[in-house]
N, C-alpha and C. Protein backbone atom coordinates (compact mmCIF):
# COMPACT_ATOMS: atom_id res chain seq x y z
N MET A 1 0.61 -1.04 0.16
CA MET A 1 -0.17 -0.15 0.57
C MET A 1 0.01 1.26 -0.35
N VAL A 2 0.62 1.86 -0.78
CA VAL A 2 1.40 3.57 -0.97
C VAL A 2 0.92 4.66 0.23
N ARG A 3 1.29 4.69 0.82
CA ARG A 3 0.87 6.08 1.52
C ARG A 3 0.78 7.40 1.36
N ARG A 4 0.32 8.24 0.49
CA ARG A 4 0.31 9.90 0.35
C ARG A 4 0.93 10.60 1.60
N ASN A 5 1.85 11.93 1.27
CA ASN A 5 2.72 12.54 1.77
C ASN A 5 1.42 13.24 2.39
N ASP A 6 2.01 12.85 4.09
CA ASP A 6 0.87 14.06 5.18
C ASP A 6 1.08 15.80 4.39
N ARG A 7 -0.08 16.24 4.82
CA ARG A 7 0.37 17.07 3.77
C ARG A 7 0.19 18.86 4.64
N ARG A 8 -0.06 18.10 6.48
CA ARG A 8 0.00 18.82 7.63
C ARG A 8 1.61 19.38 7.93
N MET A 9 1.83 20.80 8.13
CA MET A 9 2.14 21.18 7.92
C MET A 9 3.25 21.44 9.54
N SER A 10 4.17 21.36 9.77
CA SER A 10 4.44 21.29 11.05
C SER A 10 4.27 22.80 12.16
N ALA A 11 5.03 22.04 13.47
CA ALA A 11 4.53 23.38 15.09
C ALA A 11 5.53 24.39 13.88
N PRO A 12 7.25 23.66 13.36
CA PRO A 12 7.65 25.03 13.16
C PRO A 12 7.31 25.85 11.52
N MET A 13 6.85 25.38 10.75
CA MET A 13 6.42 26.03 9.51
C MET A 13 5.48 26.64 10.28
N ARG A 14 4.14 25.87 10.96
CA ARG A 14 3.47 27.33 11.11
C ARG A 14 3.57 27.83 11.98
N ARG A 15 3.94 27.78 12.56
CA ARG A 15 4.67 29.12 12.83
C ARG A 15 5.53 29.91 12.68
N ASN A 16 6.37 29.43 12.09
CA ASN A 16 6.71 30.79 10.95
C ASN A 16 5.76 31.66 9.34
N VAL A 17 4.45 30.67 9.61
CA VAL A 17 3.46 31.17 8.62
C VAL A 17 2.86 32.05 8.82
N LEU A 18 1.81 32.11 10.01
CA LEU A 18 1.93 32.91 11.19
C LEU A 18 2.13 34.65 11.38
N ILE A 19 3.99 33.64 11.78
CA ILE A 19 4.41 35.61 11.56
C ILE A 19 5.04 36.28 10.43
N ILE A 20 4.64 35.59 9.06
CA ILE A 20 4.97 36.03 8.09
C ILE A 20 2.97 36.74 7.71
N ALA A 21 1.98 35.34 8.32
CA ALA A 21 0.63 36.54 8.26
C ALA A 21 1.06 38.09 8.90
N ALA A 22 1.25 37.73 10.07
CA ALA A 22 1.58 38.68 10.94
C ALA A 22 2.20 39.87 10.48
N ILE A 23 2.90 39.39 10.17
CA ILE A 23 3.84 41.21 10.14
C ILE A 23 3.27 41.56 8.19
N TYR A 24 2.42 40.49 6.79
CA TYR A 24 2.09 40.93 6.43
C TYR A 24 0.28 41.89 6.58
N ALA A 25 -0.53 41.51 7.17
CA ALA A 25 -1.53 41.99 7.94
C ALA A 25 -0.93 42.96 8.23
N LEU A 26 -0.32 43.34 9.01
CA LEU A 26 0.31 44.61 9.69
C LEU A 26 0.59 45.80 8.92
N LEU A 27 1.86 45.03 7.85
CA LEU A 27 2.42 46.67 6.89
C LEU A 27 1.39 47.07 5.80
N THR A 28 -0.25 46.06 5.35
CA THR A 28 -0.94 46.34 4.77
C THR A 28 -2.44 47.51 5.84
N SER A 29 -2.02 47.21 6.72
CA SER A 29 -3.05 47.63 7.86
C SER A 29 -2.71 49.35 7.72
N ALA A 30 -1.31 49.48 8.04
CA ALA A 30 -1.23 50.50 7.77
C ALA A 30 -0.87 51.85 6.50
N ALA A 31 -0.51 50.71 5.48
CA ALA A 31 -1.02 51.73 4.12
C ALA A 31 -2.76 50.99 3.99
N CYS A 32 -3.29 50.62 3.87
CA CYS A 32 -4.29 51.30 3.52
C CYS A 32 -5.46 51.54 4.70
N ALA A 33 -5.02 52.20 5.80
CA ALA A 33 -5.68 52.91 6.72
C ALA A 33 -5.80 53.91 6.55
N PRO A 34 -7.03 54.74 7.28
CA PRO A 34 -7.47 55.73 6.06
C PRO A 34 -6.56 56.97 6.90
N ALA A 35 -5.89 58.05 5.37
CA ALA A 35 -4.55 58.94 5.77
C ALA A 35 -5.26 59.72 6.34
N SER A 36 -6.14 59.93 6.38
CA SER A 36 -5.86 61.67 7.96
C SER A 36 -7.26 61.28 8.84
N ARG A 37 -6.55 61.47 9.36
CA ARG A 37 -6.92 62.41 11.03
C ARG A 37 -7.51 62.51 11.31
N TYR A 38 -7.65 63.92 10.11
CA TYR A 38 -8.50 65.24 10.13
C TYR A 38 -9.21 66.13 9.63
N LYS A 39 -10.48 66.62 9.36
CA LYS A 39 -10.44 67.30 8.58
C LYS A 39 -10.28 68.89 8.17
N LEU A 40 -9.61 69.27 6.73
CA LEU A 40 -8.90 70.37 6.38
C LEU A 40 -10.13 71.22 6.24
N THR A 41 -10.48 72.65 6.84
CA THR A 41 -11.75 73.09 6.10
C THR A 41 -10.95 74.41 6.22
N THR A 42 -11.09 75.55 4.89
CA THR A 42 -10.61 76.98 5.26
C THR A 42 -11.81 77.99 5.87
N LEU A 43 -11.02 78.79 6.91
CA LEU A 43 -11.62 79.25 7.75
C LEU A 43 -12.69 80.47 6.94
N PRO A 44 -13.28 81.41 7.28
CA PRO A 44 -13.94 82.56 6.10
C PRO A 44 -12.86 84.27 6.41
N SER A 45 -12.05 84.05 6.93
CA SER A 45 -9.96 85.16 6.75
C SER A 45 -9.12 83.60 5.67
N GLY A 46 -9.08 82.56 5.93
CA GLY A 46 -8.62 82.41 4.73
C GLY A 46 -7.38 81.34 5.44
N GLN A 47 -8.02 81.42 6.66
CA GLN A 47 -6.75 80.61 7.98
C GLN A 47 -6.78 78.92 7.62
N ARG A 48 -6.39 78.23 7.33
CA ARG A 48 -7.08 76.74 7.15
C ARG A 48 -6.43 75.95 8.20
N VAL A 49 -7.82 75.07 8.90
CA VAL A 49 -7.18 74.88 9.79
C VAL A 49 -7.37 73.01 9.48
N LYS A 50 -6.84 72.09 11.06
CA LYS A 50 -7.31 70.46 10.23
C LYS A 50 -8.00 70.25 11.54
N ILE A 51 -9.26 70.21 11.53
CA ILE A 51 -10.07 69.38 12.83
C ILE A 51 -9.87 68.40 12.59
N LEU A 52 -9.14 67.15 14.36
CA LEU A 52 -8.69 66.55 14.24
C LEU A 52 -10.50 65.63 14.51
N ASN A 53 -10.30 64.00 13.41
CA ASN A 53 -11.87 63.68 13.75
C ASN A 53 -12.54 63.24 14.73
N ARG A 54 -13.85 63.25 15.17
CA ARG A 54 -14.43 63.70 17.06
C ARG A 54 -13.27 64.51 17.04
N GLY A 55 -13.23 65.68 16.81
CA GLY A 55 -12.47 67.16 17.97
C GLY A 55 -13.21 68.07 18.48
N VAL A 56 -14.35 67.57 17.92
CA VAL A 56 -15.82 68.53 17.97
C VAL A 56 -17.27 67.99 19.32
N GLY A 57 -17.08 68.64 20.37
CA GLY A 57 -18.27 68.19 20.52
C GLY A 57 -18.71 68.71 22.10
N PRO A 58 -18.84 68.19 23.13
CA PRO A 58 -19.30 68.97 24.64
C PRO A 58 -18.26 68.41 25.44
N ILE A 59 -17.56 69.07 26.59
CA ILE A 59 -17.07 68.67 27.51
C ILE A 59 -17.83 68.18 28.40
N TYR A 60 -17.90 67.00 29.08
CA TYR A 60 -18.69 67.09 30.37
C TYR A 60 -17.66 67.13 31.98
N SER A 61 -18.06 67.01 32.43
CA SER A 61 -17.64 67.09 34.10
C SER A 61 -16.63 65.64 34.68
N ASN A 62 -16.22 65.52 34.97
CA ASN A 62 -16.07 63.97 35.56
C ASN A 62 -16.82 63.14 36.78
N THR A 63 -17.58 64.61 36.82
CA THR A 63 -18.24 64.17 38.55
C THR A 63 -19.16 64.83 38.68
N THR A 64 -19.91 65.96 37.76
CA THR A 64 -21.06 66.11 37.92
C THR A 64 -22.18 65.65 36.70
N HIS A 65 -21.49 65.63 36.19
CA HIS A 65 -21.95 65.04 34.40
C HIS A 65 -22.28 66.12 33.66
N LYS A 66 -22.68 67.25 34.03
CA LYS A 66 -22.45 68.45 33.17
C LYS A 66 -22.29 68.99 32.55
N VAL A 67 -22.61 69.90 31.16
CA VAL A 67 -22.03 69.81 29.99
C VAL A 67 -20.93 70.79 30.87
N LEU A 68 -19.97 71.59 30.58
CA LEU A 68 -19.15 72.06 30.74
C LEU A 68 -18.88 73.53 29.93
N GLY A 69 -18.85 73.19 28.42
CA GLY A 69 -18.40 73.51 27.19
C GLY A 69 -17.65 73.52 26.19
N LEU A 70 -17.50 73.20 25.11
CA LEU A 70 -17.20 72.82 23.37
C LEU A 70 -15.72 72.84 23.41
N MET A 71 -15.33 71.76 23.32
CA MET A 71 -14.20 70.52 22.70
C MET A 71 -14.39 71.53 21.23
N PHE A 72 -12.71 72.05 21.02
CA PHE A 72 -12.87 72.44 19.78
C PHE A 72 -10.94 72.13 19.39
N SER A 73 -10.94 70.56 19.13
CA SER A 73 -9.78 69.31 18.66
C SER A 73 -9.18 70.14 16.92
N TYR A 74 -7.99 69.96 17.33
CA TYR A 74 -6.89 70.30 16.25
C TYR A 74 -5.89 70.05 16.47
N GLU A 75 -5.66 69.77 15.29
CA GLU A 75 -3.65 69.53 14.40
C GLU A 75 -2.73 71.08 13.87
N THR A 76 -2.09 71.27 14.72
CA THR A 76 -1.64 72.18 14.48
C THR A 76 0.19 71.76 13.52
N ASP A 77 1.38 72.15 13.25
CA ASP A 77 1.78 72.48 12.92
C ASP A 77 2.74 72.90 13.52
N ILE A 78 2.78 74.36 14.30
CA ILE A 78 3.56 75.29 15.46
C ILE A 78 3.74 74.03 16.71
N SER A 79 5.01 75.04 16.72
CA SER A 79 5.79 73.50 18.28
C SER A 79 5.15 73.39 19.63
N ILE A 80 4.66 72.85 19.87
CA ILE A 80 3.54 72.31 20.93
C ILE A 80 4.48 73.48 22.29
N THR A 81 5.83 73.77 22.22
CA THR A 81 6.62 74.19 22.53
C THR A 81 6.94 76.07 22.75
N ASP A 82 5.93 75.93 22.01
CA ASP A 82 5.67 77.25 21.48
C ASP A 82 5.01 78.09 21.52
N ILE A 83 4.85 78.62 22.99
CA ILE A 83 3.30 78.80 22.87
C ILE A 83 3.04 80.17 22.92
N PRO A 84 3.45 81.19 22.45
CA PRO A 84 2.99 82.39 22.31
C PRO A 84 2.43 82.17 20.65
N LYS A 85 2.93 81.26 19.86
CA LYS A 85 3.14 81.26 19.40
C LYS A 85 1.43 80.34 18.23
N LEU A 86 1.35 79.44 19.93
CA LEU A 86 0.07 78.31 19.94
C LEU A 86 -1.36 79.46 20.19
N ALA A 87 -0.86 80.51 20.93
CA ALA A 87 -1.50 81.27 21.29
C ALA A 87 -2.54 81.98 20.93
N ARG A 88 -1.30 82.34 19.27
CA ARG A 88 -2.00 83.43 18.99
C ARG A 88 -2.60 82.84 17.26
N GLU A 89 -1.96 81.14 16.99
CA GLU A 89 -2.94 80.19 16.19
C GLU A 89 -4.05 79.90 17.64
N ALA A 90 -4.95 80.05 18.22
CA ALA A 90 -6.36 79.79 19.04
C ALA A 90 -6.76 81.22 18.73
N ASP A 91 -6.51 82.24 19.75
CA ASP A 91 -6.84 83.72 19.47
C ASP A 91 -7.32 83.71 17.26
N SER A 92 -6.60 83.48 16.84
CA SER A 92 -7.04 83.42 15.66
C SER A 92 -8.34 82.17 14.61
N ILE A 93 -8.33 81.51 15.72
CA ILE A 93 -9.86 80.23 15.15
C ILE A 93 -10.12 80.12 16.19
N PHE A 94 -10.89 81.01 17.13
CA PHE A 94 -11.72 81.56 18.70
C PHE A 94 -12.28 82.29 17.64
N PRO A 95 -12.82 83.27 17.36
CA PRO A 95 -13.93 83.99 16.59
C PRO A 95 -14.66 82.96 15.92
N TYR A 96 -14.36 82.38 15.42
CA TYR A 96 -15.05 81.15 14.20
C TYR A 96 -15.85 80.26 15.45
N VAL A 97 -15.33 79.97 15.85
CA VAL A 97 -15.89 78.37 17.33
C VAL A 97 -16.64 79.57 18.13
N ARG A 98 -16.15 80.29 18.95
CA ARG A 98 -17.20 81.60 18.91
C ARG A 98 -19.09 81.28 18.90
N GLU A 99 -19.03 80.92 17.31
CA GLU A 99 -20.17 81.23 16.45
C GLU A 99 -20.31 80.10 17.78
N LEU A 100 -19.67 79.18 16.91
CA LEU A 100 -20.23 77.87 16.97
C LEU A 100 -21.11 77.28 18.44
N ALA A 101 -20.44 78.20 19.40
CA ALA A 101 -20.23 77.59 20.83
C ALA A 101 -21.60 78.85 21.36
N GLU A 102 -22.02 79.99 20.98
CA GLU A 102 -22.96 80.83 21.61
C GLU A 102 -24.18 80.43 20.51
N HIS A 103 -23.74 79.44 19.68
CA HIS A 103 -25.50 78.71 18.51
C HIS A 103 -26.10 78.14 18.98
N ASN A 104 -24.97 76.81 20.57
CA ASN A 104 -25.15 76.43 20.67
C ASN A 104 -25.40 75.91 22.49
N GLY A 105 -25.33 77.75 22.80
CA GLY A 105 -25.97 77.22 24.29
C GLY A 105 -24.36 77.79 25.13
N TYR A 106 -23.23 77.21 24.68
CA TYR A 106 -22.07 77.38 25.46
C TYR A 106 -21.17 78.34 26.31
N ASP A 107 -20.89 78.38 27.72
CA ASP A 107 -20.33 79.19 28.08
C ASP A 107 -18.77 79.48 28.11
N ALA A 108 -19.00 78.65 28.04
CA ALA A 108 -16.58 77.89 27.70
C ALA A 108 -16.56 76.77 26.23
N VAL A 109 -15.22 77.29 25.93
CA VAL A 109 -14.58 77.17 24.75
C VAL A 109 -12.86 76.60 25.66
N VAL A 110 -12.75 75.33 24.15
CA VAL A 110 -11.53 74.72 24.61
C VAL A 110 -11.48 74.17 23.77
N LEU A 111 -10.43 75.42 22.74
CA LEU A 111 -9.19 75.38 21.64
C LEU A 111 -8.30 74.19 21.94
N SER A 112 -8.58 72.73 21.86
CA SER A 112 -7.04 72.36 21.77
C SER A 112 -5.88 71.90 20.62
N ALA A 113 -4.97 72.44 20.48
CA ALA A 113 -3.82 72.51 19.49
C ALA A 113 -3.11 70.92 19.37
N ASN A 114 -3.38 70.50 18.30
CA ASN A 114 -2.34 68.67 19.12
C ASN A 114 -1.23 69.02 17.72
N ALA A 115 -0.85 68.11 18.22
CA ALA A 115 1.17 68.54 17.13
C ALA A 115 0.55 66.89 16.73
N ALA A 116 1.25 67.06 14.98
CA ALA A 116 0.76 65.90 14.38
C ALA A 116 1.40 64.26 15.38
N PRO A 117 0.74 62.80 14.99
CA PRO A 117 1.12 61.80 16.20
C PRO A 117 2.63 61.67 15.36
N THR A 118 3.81 61.05 16.20
CA THR A 118 4.72 60.26 15.02
C THR A 118 5.57 59.47 15.63
N GLY A 119 6.33 57.91 14.66
CA GLY A 119 6.39 56.90 15.88
C GLY A 119 5.42 56.05 14.78
N PHE A 120 5.69 54.98 14.67
CA PHE A 120 5.49 53.55 14.43
C PHE A 120 4.82 52.13 14.96
N GLY A 121 3.34 52.11 15.21
CA GLY A 121 2.87 51.30 16.08
C GLY A 121 2.18 52.24 17.05
N ILE A 122 3.05 52.65 17.93
CA ILE A 122 3.19 53.22 18.97
C ILE A 122 2.91 54.77 18.65
N HIS A 123 2.10 55.44 18.56
CA HIS A 123 1.99 56.69 17.81
C HIS A 123 2.59 58.05 19.82
N ARG A 124 3.21 58.72 19.06
CA ARG A 124 3.04 60.16 20.29
C ARG A 124 2.98 61.56 20.07
N THR A 125 1.78 61.60 20.54
CA THR A 125 1.73 62.99 20.61
C THR A 125 2.08 64.33 22.00
N GLY A 126 1.31 65.45 21.28
CA GLY A 126 1.82 65.86 22.21
C GLY A 126 0.02 67.20 22.28
N GLY A 127 0.21 68.15 23.13
CA GLY A 127 -0.94 68.95 22.33
C GLY A 127 -1.35 70.95 23.78
N TYR A 128 -2.11 71.08 23.61
CA TYR A 128 -1.32 72.60 24.48
C TYR A 128 -3.26 73.03 24.86
N ARG A 129 -3.96 73.02 25.75
CA ARG A 129 -4.97 73.55 24.96
C ARG A 129 -4.50 75.35 25.98
N PHE A 130 -5.79 76.00 25.82
CA PHE A 130 -6.59 77.24 25.24
C PHE A 130 -8.05 77.03 25.73
N ILE A 131 -8.90 77.92 26.76
CA ILE A 131 -9.56 78.55 27.89
C ILE A 131 -10.48 79.81 27.38
N TYR A 132 -11.91 79.80 26.74
CA TYR A 132 -11.86 80.84 27.32
C TYR A 132 -13.60 80.46 27.39
N LYS A 133 -14.00 82.21 28.49
CA LYS A 133 -15.19 81.44 28.93
C LYS A 133 -15.79 83.04 28.37
N ARG A 134 -17.18 83.07 28.55
CA ARG A 134 -18.00 84.14 28.50
C ARG A 134 -18.44 84.38 29.53
N ASP A 135 -18.25 85.80 29.87
CA ASP A 135 -18.59 86.04 31.19
C ASP A 135 -19.98 86.80 31.19
N ASP A 136 -20.88 87.80 31.93
CA ASP A 136 -22.22 87.01 32.16
C ASP A 136 -22.61 88.61 31.44
N SER A 137 -21.04 90.12 30.73
CA SER A 137 -22.18 90.75 30.02
C SER A 137 -22.03 89.83 28.59
N GLY A 138 -21.30 88.21 28.60
CA GLY A 138 -21.43 87.84 26.98
C GLY A 138 -20.59 88.17 25.84
N GLY A 139 -19.37 88.57 27.02
CA GLY A 139 -17.55 88.32 26.44
C GLY A 139 -17.41 87.48 26.62
N TRP A 140 -16.02 87.39 26.10
CA TRP A 140 -15.51 85.92 26.12
C TRP A 140 -13.86 86.55 25.84
N SER A 141 -13.36 86.07 26.80
CA SER A 141 -11.77 85.96 27.19
C SER A 141 -11.21 84.50 27.09
N ARG A 142 -10.28 84.87 27.02
CA ARG A 142 -8.96 83.37 27.19
C ARG A 142 -8.65 83.33 28.53
N VAL A 143 -9.05 81.68 29.20
CA VAL A 143 -8.55 82.62 31.13
C VAL A 143 -7.61 82.35 30.83
N GLY A 144 -6.61 82.52 32.33
CA GLY A 144 -5.16 82.16 32.65
C GLY A 144 -4.22 83.00 31.60
N ASP A 145 -4.89 84.54 31.06
CA ASP A 145 -3.96 84.78 30.64
C ASP A 145 -4.12 86.87 30.10
N PRO A 146 -4.22 88.38 31.38
CA PRO A 146 -4.94 88.52 31.77
C PRO A 146 -3.69 89.52 29.99
N GLY A 147 -3.68 89.10 29.34
CA GLY A 147 -3.11 89.77 28.12
C GLY A 147 -3.83 89.48 26.96
N ALA A 148 -4.22 88.12 27.27
CA ALA A 148 -5.02 87.70 25.96
C ALA A 148 -6.27 88.66 25.32
N PRO A 149 -6.34 88.81 24.29
CA PRO A 149 -7.66 89.78 23.47
C PRO A 149 -8.76 89.55 24.50
N ASN A 150 -9.48 89.87 24.13
CA ASN A 150 -11.82 90.38 24.96
C ASN A 150 -12.06 90.27 23.67
N TYR A 151 -13.20 89.20 23.21
CA TYR A 151 -14.03 89.52 22.04
C TYR A 151 -15.61 90.00 22.66
N HIS A 152 -16.10 90.78 22.19
CA HIS A 152 -17.20 90.89 22.19
C HIS A 152 -18.55 90.32 21.98
N SER A 153 -19.83 89.45 21.05
CA SER A 153 -20.77 88.82 21.32
C SER A 153 -21.21 90.02 19.34
N ASP A 154 -20.34 92.02 19.69
CA ASP A 154 -21.13 92.47 18.76
C ASP A 154 -19.74 92.49 17.73
N ALA A 155 -18.54 92.06 17.87
CA ALA A 155 -17.47 92.15 17.35
C ALA A 155 -17.27 91.01 15.95
N GLY A 156 -17.23 92.22 14.61
CA GLY A 156 -16.31 91.11 13.57
C GLY A 156 -15.43 89.99 13.84
N HIS A 157 -15.45 89.36 13.17
CA HIS A 157 -13.82 89.52 13.07
C HIS A 157 -12.38 90.04 11.78
N SER A 158 -11.31 90.04 12.49
CA SER A 158 -10.07 90.71 12.48
C SER A 158 -9.36 89.90 11.79
């Protein structure tokens, strides 16, 4: 009687095939992953802003679960260590976000400037947040910076 070759793979061969398949899946998923983490939006001023996916929405208190304000997250090309330049960028974006906040009844806005992620596999990123609060008269100002500009509801965009 002639015995056919056993077509089952040995354990080491099976392990090598699994390793190759895992590497292939990792490389193809990285190549086929959505390239955009953000939506590129042009403001009426002509400034382009990279609004992060899921980057606009309410902020909730961890303890009371009440809405605290509006979060607006965007990706910046400015170094996260250059706070004055980041603040100028946030101040130029805020008037447009303020309209959204006022329309939806928010009294606080957090502009979250985020660096582009770096690294392969494990992405690292940094960021800086600027908080704007509306006072009782309806004017807005950046919290924590007495030199920051004040915004009033009747003021136009500059």
